[in-house]
Protein backbone atom coordinates (compact mmCIF):
# COMPACT_ATOMS: atom_id res chain seq x y z
CA UNK A 1 12.48 32.86 -0.04
CA UNK A 2 13.30 31.76 -3.42
CA UNK A 3 11.75 30.98 -6.71
CA UNK A 4 11.25 27.60 -6.49
CA UNK A 5 9.65 27.86 -3.05
CA UNK A 6 7.28 30.25 -4.26
CA UNK A 7 6.18 28.49 -7.70
CA UNK A 8 5.31 25.54 -5.14
CA UNK A 9 3.44 27.21 -2.67
CA UNK A 10 6.44 27.36 -0.52
CA UNK A 11 6.15 23.40 0.42
CA UNK A 12 9.86 22.13 -0.57
CA UNK A 13 9.05 18.52 0.92
CA UNK A 14 5.54 16.42 0.52
CA UNK A 15 3.88 15.12 3.05
CA UNK A 16 3.43 11.55 4.13
CA UNK A 17 0.09 9.80 3.96
CA UNK A 18 -0.70 6.40 4.93
CA UNK A 19 -2.71 3.85 3.28
CA UNK A 20 -4.91 0.96 4.47
CA UNK A 21 -4.95 -1.73 2.10
CA UNK A 22 -6.74 -5.05 1.81
CA UNK A 23 -5.16 -7.65 -0.16
CA UNK A 24 -7.76 -10.95 -1.35
CA UNK A 25 -6.10 -13.56 -2.61
CA UNK A 26 -7.96 -15.21 -5.86
CA UNK A 27 -8.78 -18.32 -4.00
CA UNK A 28 -9.30 -20.14 -0.78
CA UNK A 29 -6.75 -22.32 -1.58
CA UNK A 30 -3.92 -19.78 -2.15
CA UNK A 31 -1.06 -19.66 0.32
CA UNK A 32 -1.72 -16.41 2.32
CA UNK A 33 1.57 -16.40 4.23
CA UNK A 34 3.38 -16.90 0.53
CA UNK A 35 1.49 -13.82 -0.59
CA UNK A 36 2.16 -11.76 2.54
CA UNK A 37 6.12 -12.85 2.15
CA UNK A 38 5.61 -11.65 -1.88
CA UNK A 39 4.19 -8.28 -0.65
CA UNK A 40 6.79 -7.79 2.18
CA UNK A 41 9.63 -7.95 -0.47
CA UNK A 42 7.58 -6.00 -3.23
CA UNK A 43 6.80 -3.10 -1.14
CA UNK A 44 9.99 -0.86 -0.96
CA UNK A 45 11.46 2.41 -2.39
CA UNK A 46 9.06 4.88 -2.43
CA UNK A 47 7.03 3.44 0.24
CA UNK A 48 7.25 1.84 3.94
CA UNK A 49 5.18 -0.90 5.16
CA UNK A 50 3.83 0.37 8.66
CA UNK A 51 2.37 -2.94 9.38
CA UNK A 52 1.43 -6.10 7.71
CA UNK A 53 -1.04 -8.28 9.14
CA UNK A 54 -3.09 -11.60 8.16
CA UNK A 55 -7.25 -11.41 9.22
CA UNK A 56 -9.58 -13.57 9.29
CA UNK A 57 -12.84 -13.08 7.67
CA UNK A 58 -15.03 -15.78 7.23
CA UNK A 59 -15.53 -19.18 6.67
CA UNK A 60 -11.71 -19.68 6.59
CA UNK A 61 -11.52 -17.01 4.32
CA UNK A 62 -8.09 -14.96 5.22
CA UNK A 63 -7.11 -11.60 3.68
CA UNK A 64 -3.75 -9.56 4.14
CA UNK A 65 -4.40 -5.94 5.58
CA UNK A 66 -1.49 -3.62 5.06
CA UNK A 67 -0.51 -0.08 6.51
CA UNK A 68 1.93 1.31 3.54
CA UNK A 69 3.56 5.02 4.07
CA UNK A 70 4.00 7.06 1.09
CA UNK A 71 4.95 10.76 -0.26
CA UNK A 72 2.12 12.56 -0.89
CA UNK A 73 2.67 12.53 -4.78
CA UNK A 74 0.66 11.90 -7.44
CA UNK A 75 0.37 8.59 -9.18
CA UNK A 76 2.45 6.60 -6.16
CA UNK A 77 -0.73 4.78 -5.19
CA UNK A 78 -1.70 3.55 -8.59
CA UNK A 79 2.04 2.26 -8.92
CA UNK A 80 1.49 0.42 -5.34
CA UNK A 81 -1.84 -0.69 -6.31
CA UNK A 82 -0.66 -2.10 -9.80
CA UNK A 83 2.45 -3.92 -8.21
CA UNK A 84 0.06 -5.57 -5.38
CA UNK A 85 -2.30 -7.09 -8.16
CA UNK A 86 0.86 -8.27 -9.84
CA UNK A 87 1.82 -10.75 -7.11
CA UNK A 88 0.60 -14.08 -8.41
CA UNK A 89 -2.06 -15.53 -5.87
CA UNK A 90 -3.61 -11.81 -5.73
CA UNK A 91 -6.94 -11.62 -6.61
CA UNK A 92 -8.13 -8.16 -5.16
CA UNK A 93 -6.50 -5.19 -4.19
CA UNK A 94 -8.70 -2.39 -2.07
CA UNK A 95 -7.50 0.74 -0.41
CA UNK A 96 -9.68 1.12 2.42
CA UNK A 97 -8.59 4.45 3.54
CA UNK A 98 -5.54 7.36 3.10
CA UNK A 99 -4.57 9.56 5.46
CA UNK A 100 -2.33 12.62 5.71
CA UNK A 101 0.06 11.82 8.38
CA UNK A 102 2.75 14.58 8.07
């Protein structure tokens, strides 16, 4: 075992996490399909979209629910949240669950 492995606790590769995220539009009139398309094209690089769906909530209100897989690395979740919040038409971003998958 080399020194780098000992310093990192023998962990060369980071684990992966899956984050379940709910994205709410800023208003009921927002084009939820356009927001979904923007999110799909925005999430790349360090991230992989496991699933992305539009779900009905109540009284015609819809939300986008996505599962994003990424390395278990400090700062990646915050970066993702900020990117999602920057999408035109997005009102709120809520991380519902983060699970270690490998």
